[in-house]
Amino acid sequence: MMVASFTPKPPRSGATRRSAVGLILGAPLVAGCAGMQSPFSGGDQPAGPQQQPSAVGSGQVKVGLLLPLSAAGNAGLAAQSMRNAAELALAEFQNPNLQLLIKDDNGSAQGAQQGAQQAVDEGAEIILGPLFAQSVPAAAQVARNRGISMIAFSTDSSVAGRGVYLLSFLPESDVTRIVDYAAGTGKRSFAAFLPENAYGNVVEVAFKQAVARKGGRMVAFEKYGADRSQIGATASSISEGLKGADSLLLADDGDALPGVADALVAAGVNLKRLQLLGTGLWDNPRVFGSANLQGGLYAAPDPSGFRSFSTRYRAKYGGDPVRTATLAYDSVALVAALARTQGGQRFSAEVLTNPSGFAGIDGLFRFRTDGTNERGLAVMRVGSSGGAITAGSPKSFGA
């Protein structure tokens, strides 16, 4: 079994003297983000079940882990995969001084609050999870009342905040990376065609901010509704504005994206004249199979880390991990490293928001003081056989 090594990473020059911890996971990311769900998911579920004692590890530092293990359908399956990944991290960390207190939140706010309360009552110094946005505030209330930090897995940045950090794939990071790259290659006239939903709204704000920050111009912008039978009319309305653009952001679920591109082509848009830009949701076989999306660029973690992780996961559990399983692995590896190196302040805001960040399976990441995160992402190009790296992920965060 490959044993992960964890070594201190020096702060950037000019930074305060706060030792950062790099999770050097000897781990080379699997098959991309096809399993990444659109954010803000997880419908209402019944209240959490009666908790059965479930602890893994025998270390002195207790860590709560909240997952929707008994939730119906894909949520429960994802939760089990994430639990496996958390236990794999514990197994691969050499002599971890951790004990994981695993709590089933059933995918509900009430279950998350109940699980968090039991974890802190049992001595948890930090809480990992929950997965769904609706569950985060309830668990966060418990953590704040006890004065401890929480690292949640939701992709809804609105639930981040003081002491509540998100270790997830946030669309804001994707948009910032792809706009910065496009601007660096000379693109100046930007356009966007986005879905009218929660994901599209987040991407809209991030895109407009990123374009303005790089000195670009927004020359065309349009949103389309959930009724895809009407998308042709919306595509026609943006087609004229796209004549003045040199790049176009499309940010939808990978399964829906080919239809969006087809609608634009049917409306007379020459997509081959534009540099198509996208987010991590593009990492999807349907995108790679779309003739109209070939050559498009999207931001995503370097896939090599997930590939290596998946190989080790399959060897131990006999099946493939869900794409979000790396979040559970990296969160457990992170707290194990901090428990070893950071003494009594191991899970404090100062340690968790170290500007040098940490390196996990999905590459470099750091927590911002507002609870959101920044990731060091690669730029991938769509080809018929998959995504190919056009620009690698950064090895450190710049000043």
Protein backbone atom coordinates (compact mmCIF):
# COMPACT_ATOMS: atom_id res chain seq x y z
CA MET A 1 0.00 0.00 0.00
CA MET A 2 1.26 3.43 -0.85
CA VAL A 3 1.83 5.51 2.28
CA ALA A 4 1.22 9.21 1.96
CA SER A 5 3.90 11.53 3.25
CA PHE A 6 3.09 14.91 4.72
CA THR A 7 5.74 17.57 4.92
CA PRO A 8 5.69 21.22 6.00
CA LYS A 9 5.55 23.70 3.17
CA PRO A 10 7.22 27.09 3.76
CA PRO A 11 5.07 30.22 3.70
CA ARG A 12 5.43 32.66 0.84
CA SER A 13 8.02 35.36 1.27
CA GLY A 14 6.51 38.32 3.05
CA ALA A 15 3.87 36.15 4.72
CA THR A 16 3.50 36.00 8.47
CA ARG A 17 5.40 33.21 10.18
CA ARG A 18 2.74 30.57 9.95
CA SER A 19 3.93 27.14 8.92
CA ALA A 20 1.81 25.69 6.15
CA VAL A 21 1.34 21.99 5.80
CA GLY A 22 1.57 20.48 2.33
CA LEU A 23 -0.31 17.24 1.90
CA ILE A 24 2.11 15.60 -0.48
CA LEU A 25 0.01 12.57 -1.28
CA GLY A 26 2.35 10.53 -3.40
CA ALA A 27 -1.00 10.26 -4.98
CA PRO A 28 -1.20 10.84 -8.35
CA LEU A 29 -6.92 12.85 -9.72
CA VAL A 30 -9.95 9.70 -12.18
CA ALA A 31 -11.56 10.41 -14.89
CA GLY A 32 -12.39 13.89 -14.37
CA CYS A 33 -15.37 15.62 -13.08
CA ALA A 34 -18.07 13.65 -14.77
CA GLY A 35 -19.28 12.69 -11.33
CA MET A 36 -19.32 16.25 -10.02
CA GLN A 37 -22.90 17.14 -9.35
CA SER A 38 -24.36 20.53 -10.02
CA PRO A 39 -24.14 22.43 -6.75
CA PHE A 40 -26.86 23.18 -4.27
CA SER A 41 -28.20 19.63 -4.49
CA GLY A 42 -29.65 17.30 -1.93
CA GLY A 43 -33.40 17.45 -1.45
CA ASP A 44 -35.20 17.39 1.87
CA GLN A 45 -34.85 14.08 3.66
CA PRO A 46 -36.36 12.73 6.85
CA ALA A 47 -34.73 13.55 10.16
CA GLY A 48 -31.52 11.74 11.00
CA PRO A 49 -31.67 8.18 12.30
CA GLN A 50 -30.65 7.05 15.74
CA GLN A 51 -26.87 7.17 15.71
CA GLN A 52 -24.99 3.96 16.21
CA PRO A 53 -21.47 4.27 17.64
CA SER A 54 -19.00 4.37 14.75
CA ALA A 55 -15.40 5.33 15.36
CA VAL A 56 -12.35 4.60 13.23
CA GLY A 57 -8.83 4.92 14.55
CA SER A 58 -7.52 5.07 18.08
CA GLY A 59 -5.72 8.42 18.16
CA GLN A 60 -6.14 11.10 20.80
CA VAL A 61 -7.45 13.81 18.46
CA LYS A 62 -11.14 13.25 17.78
CA VAL A 63 -12.67 14.44 14.51
CA GLY A 64 -16.37 14.37 13.59
CA LEU A 65 -17.33 13.24 10.07
CA LEU A 66 -20.90 13.92 8.93
CA LEU A 67 -22.16 12.06 5.84
CA PRO A 68 -25.65 11.18 4.49
CA LEU A 69 -25.01 7.44 4.81
CA SER A 70 -28.68 6.42 5.07
CA ALA A 71 -30.00 8.92 2.50
CA ALA A 72 -31.85 7.46 -0.46
CA GLY A 73 -30.39 6.90 -3.92
CA ASN A 74 -27.17 8.44 -5.14
CA ALA A 75 -26.69 10.50 -1.98
CA GLY A 76 -26.28 7.40 0.16
CA LEU A 77 -24.00 5.75 -2.39
CA ALA A 78 -21.82 8.88 -2.56
CA ALA A 79 -21.68 9.03 1.22
CA GLN A 80 -20.44 5.44 1.49
CA SER A 81 -17.74 6.13 -1.10
CA MET A 82 -16.67 9.22 0.84
CA ARG A 83 -16.57 7.22 4.07
CA ASN A 84 -14.34 4.66 2.36
CA ALA A 85 -12.06 7.46 1.15
CA ALA A 86 -11.83 8.92 4.65
CA GLU A 87 -10.82 5.52 6.04
CA LEU A 88 -8.31 5.09 3.20
CA ALA A 89 -6.71 8.42 4.14
CA LEU A 90 -6.42 7.28 7.73
CA ALA A 91 -4.86 4.00 6.63
CA GLU A 92 -2.33 5.68 4.34
CA PHE A 93 -1.24 8.33 6.83
CA GLN A 94 1.66 6.98 8.84
CA ASN A 95 0.67 6.60 12.51
CA PRO A 96 -2.15 9.19 12.55
CA ASN A 97 -3.10 10.52 15.97
CA LEU A 98 -6.78 10.66 14.95
CA GLN A 99 -10.05 9.03 15.80
CA LEU A 100 -12.85 9.59 13.29
CA LEU A 101 -16.31 9.86 14.83
CA ILE A 102 -18.52 9.00 11.85
CA LYS A 103 -22.11 10.25 12.03
CA ASP A 104 -24.97 9.59 9.62
CA ASP A 105 -26.87 12.85 8.94
CA ASN A 106 -29.30 11.22 6.46
CA GLY A 107 -28.95 14.23 4.16
CA SER A 108 -31.14 16.43 6.39
CA ALA A 109 -30.51 19.57 8.41
CA GLN A 110 -31.93 17.96 11.54
CA GLY A 111 -29.74 14.90 11.07
CA ALA A 112 -26.66 17.08 10.58
CA GLN A 113 -27.38 19.05 13.74
CA GLN A 114 -27.91 15.84 15.68
CA GLY A 115 -24.74 14.24 14.34
CA ALA A 116 -22.65 17.35 14.99
CA GLN A 117 -23.96 17.59 18.55
CA GLN A 118 -23.11 13.97 19.25
CA ALA A 119 -19.64 14.40 17.75
CA VAL A 120 -18.78 17.43 19.89
CA ASP A 121 -20.27 15.78 22.97
CA GLU A 122 -17.86 12.90 22.32
CA GLY A 123 -14.92 15.30 22.15
CA ALA A 124 -14.57 16.21 18.46
CA GLU A 125 -12.16 19.12 17.95
CA ILE A 126 -13.26 19.78 14.36
CA ILE A 127 -16.14 18.63 12.15
CA LEU A 128 -15.76 17.40 8.56
CA GLY A 129 -18.91 17.60 6.42
CA PRO A 130 -21.80 17.69 5.89
CA LEU A 131 -22.20 17.23 2.14
CA PHE A 132 -25.40 19.15 1.34
CA ALA A 133 -25.83 22.91 1.54
CA GLN A 134 -29.10 22.67 3.45
CA SER A 135 -27.35 20.75 6.24
CA VAL A 136 -24.35 23.03 6.71
CA PRO A 137 -25.94 25.88 8.74
CA ALA A 138 -27.50 23.48 11.25
CA ALA A 139 -24.20 21.71 11.89
CA ALA A 140 -22.32 25.01 11.86
CA GLN A 141 -24.47 26.33 14.70
CA VAL A 142 -23.33 23.42 16.86
CA ALA A 143 -19.69 23.93 15.91
CA ARG A 144 -19.78 27.66 16.61
CA ASN A 145 -21.46 27.13 19.96
CA ARG A 146 -18.56 24.87 20.89
CA GLY A 147 -15.97 27.21 19.35
CA ILE A 148 -14.60 24.71 16.83
CA SER A 149 -14.08 24.85 13.06
CA MET A 150 -15.94 22.93 10.38
CA ILE A 151 -14.78 21.84 6.91
CA ALA A 152 -17.88 21.11 4.82
CA PHE A 153 -18.23 19.59 1.33
CA SER A 154 -21.05 21.71 -0.14
CA THR A 155 -20.50 23.54 -3.42
CA ASP A 156 -22.81 26.39 -2.38
CA SER A 157 -20.49 29.21 -1.32
CA SER A 158 -23.36 31.04 0.40
CA VAL A 159 -23.14 28.61 3.35
CA ALA A 160 -19.45 29.37 3.98
CA GLY A 161 -18.59 31.81 6.74
CA ARG A 162 -16.73 32.42 9.96
CA GLY A 163 -15.26 29.10 11.03
CA VAL A 164 -17.11 27.21 8.28
CA TYR A 165 -14.77 26.32 5.42
CA LEU A 166 -15.72 24.62 2.16
CA LEU A 167 -13.41 21.96 0.73
CA SER A 168 -15.29 21.48 -2.53
CA PHE A 169 -15.13 22.29 -6.22
CA LEU A 170 -16.55 25.82 -6.32
CA PRO A 171 -17.59 27.23 -9.71
CA GLU A 172 -15.99 30.56 -8.79
CA SER A 173 -12.51 28.97 -8.93
CA ASP A 174 -13.24 27.43 -12.32
CA VAL A 175 -14.43 30.73 -13.78
CA THR A 176 -11.53 32.75 -12.41
CA ARG A 177 -8.97 30.28 -13.78
CA ILE A 178 -10.46 30.03 -17.27
CA VAL A 179 -10.95 33.79 -17.68
CA ASP A 180 -7.42 34.49 -16.45
CA TYR A 181 -6.07 31.97 -18.95
CA ALA A 182 -8.15 33.32 -21.85
CA ALA A 183 -7.10 36.89 -21.08
CA GLY A 184 -3.49 35.74 -20.95
CA THR A 185 -3.82 34.42 -24.50
CA GLY A 186 -5.12 37.76 -25.75
CA LYS A 187 -8.90 37.37 -25.43
CA ARG A 188 -10.60 40.68 -24.65
CA SER A 189 -14.24 40.48 -25.83
CA PHE A 190 -16.17 38.03 -23.67
CA ALA A 191 -19.67 36.62 -23.89
CA ALA A 192 -21.65 34.14 -21.80
CA PHE A 193 -24.66 31.89 -22.44
CA LEU A 194 -25.75 30.44 -19.11
CA PRO A 195 -28.60 28.45 -17.54
CA GLU A 196 -31.17 30.31 -15.46
CA ASN A 197 -30.57 28.38 -12.24
CA ALA A 198 -28.52 28.53 -9.04
CA TYR A 199 -25.34 27.37 -10.77
CA GLY A 200 -25.77 29.86 -13.62
CA ASN A 201 -26.32 32.69 -11.16
CA VAL A 202 -23.08 31.96 -9.31
CA VAL A 203 -21.16 31.64 -12.55
CA GLU A 204 -22.62 34.93 -13.84
CA VAL A 205 -21.36 36.92 -10.87
CA ALA A 206 -17.92 35.29 -10.93
CA PHE A 207 -17.60 35.73 -14.71
CA LYS A 208 -18.47 39.42 -14.75
CA GLN A 209 -16.05 40.08 -11.90
CA ALA A 210 -13.26 38.10 -13.54
CA VAL A 211 -13.69 39.79 -16.93
CA ALA A 212 -13.66 43.24 -15.30
CA ARG A 213 -10.59 42.39 -13.24
CA LYS A 214 -8.68 41.39 -16.39
CA GLY A 215 -9.73 44.55 -18.26
CA GLY A 216 -11.96 42.65 -20.70
CA ARG A 217 -15.29 43.69 -22.22
CA MET A 218 -18.60 41.87 -21.84
CA VAL A 219 -20.10 42.14 -25.32
CA ALA A 220 -22.98 39.65 -25.06
CA PHE A 221 -24.82 37.89 -22.26
CA GLU A 222 -27.95 35.76 -22.15
CA LYS A 223 -29.60 33.16 -19.96
CA TYR A 224 -31.88 30.31 -21.00
CA GLY A 225 -34.59 28.67 -18.93
CA ALA A 226 -35.16 25.10 -17.84
CA ASP A 227 -37.51 24.44 -20.78
CA ARG A 228 -34.93 23.40 -23.35
CA SER A 229 -37.55 23.42 -26.10
CA GLN A 230 -37.33 27.22 -25.89
CA ILE A 231 -33.54 27.42 -26.03
CA GLY A 232 -33.51 28.06 -29.77
CA ALA A 233 -35.20 31.44 -29.36
CA THR A 234 -32.74 32.45 -26.64
CA ALA A 235 -29.81 31.32 -28.78
CA SER A 236 -31.11 33.48 -31.63
CA SER A 237 -31.30 36.50 -29.36
CA ILE A 238 -27.61 36.28 -28.42
CA SER A 239 -26.35 35.36 -31.89
CA GLU A 240 -25.98 38.94 -33.12
CA GLY A 241 -24.02 40.02 -30.03
CA LEU A 242 -21.63 37.10 -30.43
CA LYS A 243 -20.34 38.60 -33.68
CA GLY A 244 -18.32 41.03 -31.56
CA ALA A 245 -16.96 38.39 -29.17
CA ASP A 246 -13.73 36.44 -29.29
CA SER A 247 -14.63 34.01 -26.49
CA LEU A 248 -17.84 32.46 -25.14
CA LEU A 249 -18.45 30.93 -21.72
CA LEU A 250 -20.85 27.99 -21.58
CA ALA A 251 -21.41 26.65 -18.09
CA ASP A 252 -23.99 23.91 -17.81
CA ASP A 253 -24.18 20.30 -16.76
CA GLY A 254 -22.05 18.17 -19.05
CA ASP A 255 -25.05 16.12 -20.18
CA ALA A 256 -26.94 19.26 -21.27
CA LEU A 257 -24.05 21.17 -22.80
CA PRO A 258 -23.97 19.50 -26.26
CA GLY A 259 -27.62 20.51 -26.78
CA VAL A 260 -26.80 24.09 -25.85
CA ALA A 261 -23.96 24.18 -28.37
CA ASP A 262 -26.21 22.61 -31.03
CA ALA A 263 -28.85 25.30 -30.43
CA LEU A 264 -26.29 28.06 -30.93
CA VAL A 265 -25.09 26.51 -34.18
CA ALA A 266 -28.68 26.14 -35.37
CA ALA A 267 -29.16 29.86 -34.63
CA GLY A 268 -26.33 30.69 -37.01
CA VAL A 269 -23.48 31.11 -34.51
CA ASN A 270 -20.06 30.08 -35.81
CA LEU A 271 -18.63 28.43 -32.71
CA LYS A 272 -15.37 27.62 -34.51
CA ARG A 273 -14.63 31.37 -34.64
CA LEU A 274 -14.98 31.68 -30.87
CA GLN A 275 -12.82 30.31 -28.08
CA LEU A 276 -15.29 28.30 -26.03
CA LEU A 277 -14.72 28.43 -22.27
CA GLY A 278 -16.16 26.21 -19.57
CA THR A 279 -16.08 24.94 -15.99
CA GLY A 280 -15.28 21.59 -14.41
CA LEU A 281 -18.74 20.29 -15.34
CA TRP A 282 -17.40 19.99 -18.90
CA ASP A 283 -15.40 16.93 -17.89
CA ASN A 284 -18.04 14.58 -19.26
CA PRO A 285 -18.03 11.96 -22.05
CA ARG A 286 -20.94 13.68 -23.79
CA VAL A 287 -18.92 16.88 -24.05
CA PHE A 288 -15.96 15.02 -25.54
CA GLY A 289 -18.30 13.41 -28.05
CA SER A 290 -19.77 16.72 -29.26
CA ALA A 291 -18.35 17.98 -32.56
CA ASN A 292 -19.42 21.55 -31.74
CA LEU A 293 -17.44 21.62 -28.48
CA GLN A 294 -14.11 20.32 -29.79
CA GLY A 295 -11.25 22.66 -28.89
CA GLY A 296 -13.16 24.24 -26.00
CA LEU A 297 -11.20 25.02 -22.85
CA TYR A 298 -12.31 24.37 -19.29
CA ALA A 299 -10.79 24.61 -15.82
CA ALA A 300 -10.52 21.47 -13.70
CA PRO A 301 -8.10 19.69 -11.37
CA ASP A 302 -5.22 17.91 -13.05
CA PRO A 303 -6.72 14.43 -13.60
CA SER A 304 -3.58 12.50 -12.66
CA GLY A 305 -4.21 12.77 -8.92
CA PHE A 306 -7.69 11.28 -9.14
CA ARG A 307 -6.47 8.48 -11.40
CA SER A 308 -3.89 7.38 -8.84
CA PHE A 309 -6.36 7.73 -5.96
CA SER A 310 -8.92 5.63 -7.86
CA THR A 311 -6.38 2.87 -8.44
CA ARG A 312 -5.67 2.63 -4.71
CA TYR A 313 -9.36 2.90 -3.85
CA ARG A 314 -10.28 0.05 -6.24
CA ALA A 315 -7.52 -2.12 -4.80
CA LYS A 316 -8.93 -1.70 -1.30
CA TYR A 317 -12.70 -1.60 -1.93
CA GLY A 318 -13.18 -3.38 -5.24
CA GLY A 319 -15.07 -0.56 -6.97
CA ASP A 320 -14.72 2.96 -8.31
CA PRO A 321 -14.96 6.02 -6.03
CA VAL A 322 -17.40 8.85 -6.66
CA ARG A 323 -15.71 12.02 -7.85
CA THR A 324 -16.28 13.80 -4.53
CA ALA A 325 -14.55 11.04 -2.58
CA THR A 326 -11.30 12.97 -2.78
CA LEU A 327 -12.85 15.68 -0.61
CA ALA A 328 -13.24 13.22 2.24
CA TYR A 329 -9.73 11.86 1.69
CA ASP A 330 -8.10 15.29 1.59
CA SER A 331 -10.01 16.59 4.62
CA VAL A 332 -8.93 13.63 6.77
CA ALA A 333 -5.35 13.82 5.49
CA LEU A 334 -5.31 17.55 6.23
CA VAL A 335 -6.51 17.26 9.83
CA ALA A 336 -4.11 14.37 10.43
CA ALA A 337 -1.21 16.50 9.19
CA LEU A 338 -2.30 19.50 11.25
CA ALA A 339 -2.73 17.35 14.35
CA ARG A 340 0.86 16.16 13.92
CA THR A 341 2.50 19.53 13.23
CA GLN A 342 0.47 22.41 14.62
CA GLY A 343 0.13 21.74 18.34
CA GLY A 344 -2.77 23.18 20.32
CA GLN A 345 -3.71 25.64 17.57
CA ARG A 346 -4.00 22.87 14.97
CA PHE A 347 -7.54 23.64 13.80
CA SER A 348 -7.58 27.39 14.45
CA ALA A 349 -8.64 29.90 11.79
CA GLU A 350 -5.05 31.13 11.50
CA VAL A 351 -3.75 27.67 10.68
CA LEU A 352 -6.59 26.71 8.33
CA THR A 353 -6.36 29.96 6.34
CA ASN A 354 -2.60 29.84 5.87
CA PRO A 355 -2.06 31.73 2.57
CA SER A 356 0.48 29.17 1.34
CA GLY A 357 -2.29 26.58 1.30
CA PHE A 358 -2.09 22.82 1.10
CA ALA A 359 -1.53 20.25 -1.66
CA GLY A 360 -3.99 17.38 -1.87
CA ILE A 361 -5.12 14.77 -4.38
CA ASP A 362 -6.83 17.43 -6.52
CA GLY A 363 -3.87 19.79 -6.35
CA LEU A 364 -3.22 22.98 -4.48
CA PHE A 365 -5.97 24.54 -2.36
CA ARG A 366 -6.34 27.14 0.35
CA PHE A 367 -9.19 28.40 2.51
CA ARG A 368 -10.14 32.06 2.44
CA THR A 369 -11.14 33.86 5.61
CA ASP A 370 -14.75 34.00 4.35
CA GLY A 371 -14.84 30.18 4.31
CA THR A 372 -14.65 29.72 0.54
CA ASN A 373 -11.62 28.16 -1.11
CA GLU A 374 -9.24 28.79 -3.95
CA ARG A 375 -7.88 25.91 -6.00
CA GLY A 376 -4.91 25.64 -8.28
CA LEU A 377 -6.57 24.30 -11.42
CA ALA A 378 -5.33 23.10 -14.78
CA VAL A 379 -6.74 24.27 -18.11
CA MET A 380 -8.04 21.36 -20.19
CA ARG A 381 -8.84 21.22 -23.91
CA VAL A 382 -11.78 19.18 -25.23
CA GLY A 383 -10.82 16.42 -27.63
CA SER A 384 -12.73 13.44 -28.96
CA SER A 385 -10.81 11.10 -26.65
CA GLY A 386 -11.16 13.26 -23.53
CA GLY A 387 -9.66 16.30 -21.91
CA ALA A 388 -5.98 17.10 -22.49
CA ILE A 389 -3.95 19.47 -20.35
CA THR A 390 -3.26 22.80 -22.09
CA ALA A 391 -1.90 24.60 -19.01
CA GLY A 392 -0.84 22.78 -15.88
CA SER A 393 -2.02 23.54 -12.39
CA PRO A 394 0.16 25.92 -10.35
CA LYS A 395 2.60 24.54 -7.81
CA SER A 396 2.17 27.48 -5.43
CA PHE A 397 -0.12 30.42 -4.91
CA GLY A 398 1.32 33.69 -6.19
CA ALA A 399 1.62 36.81 -4.10
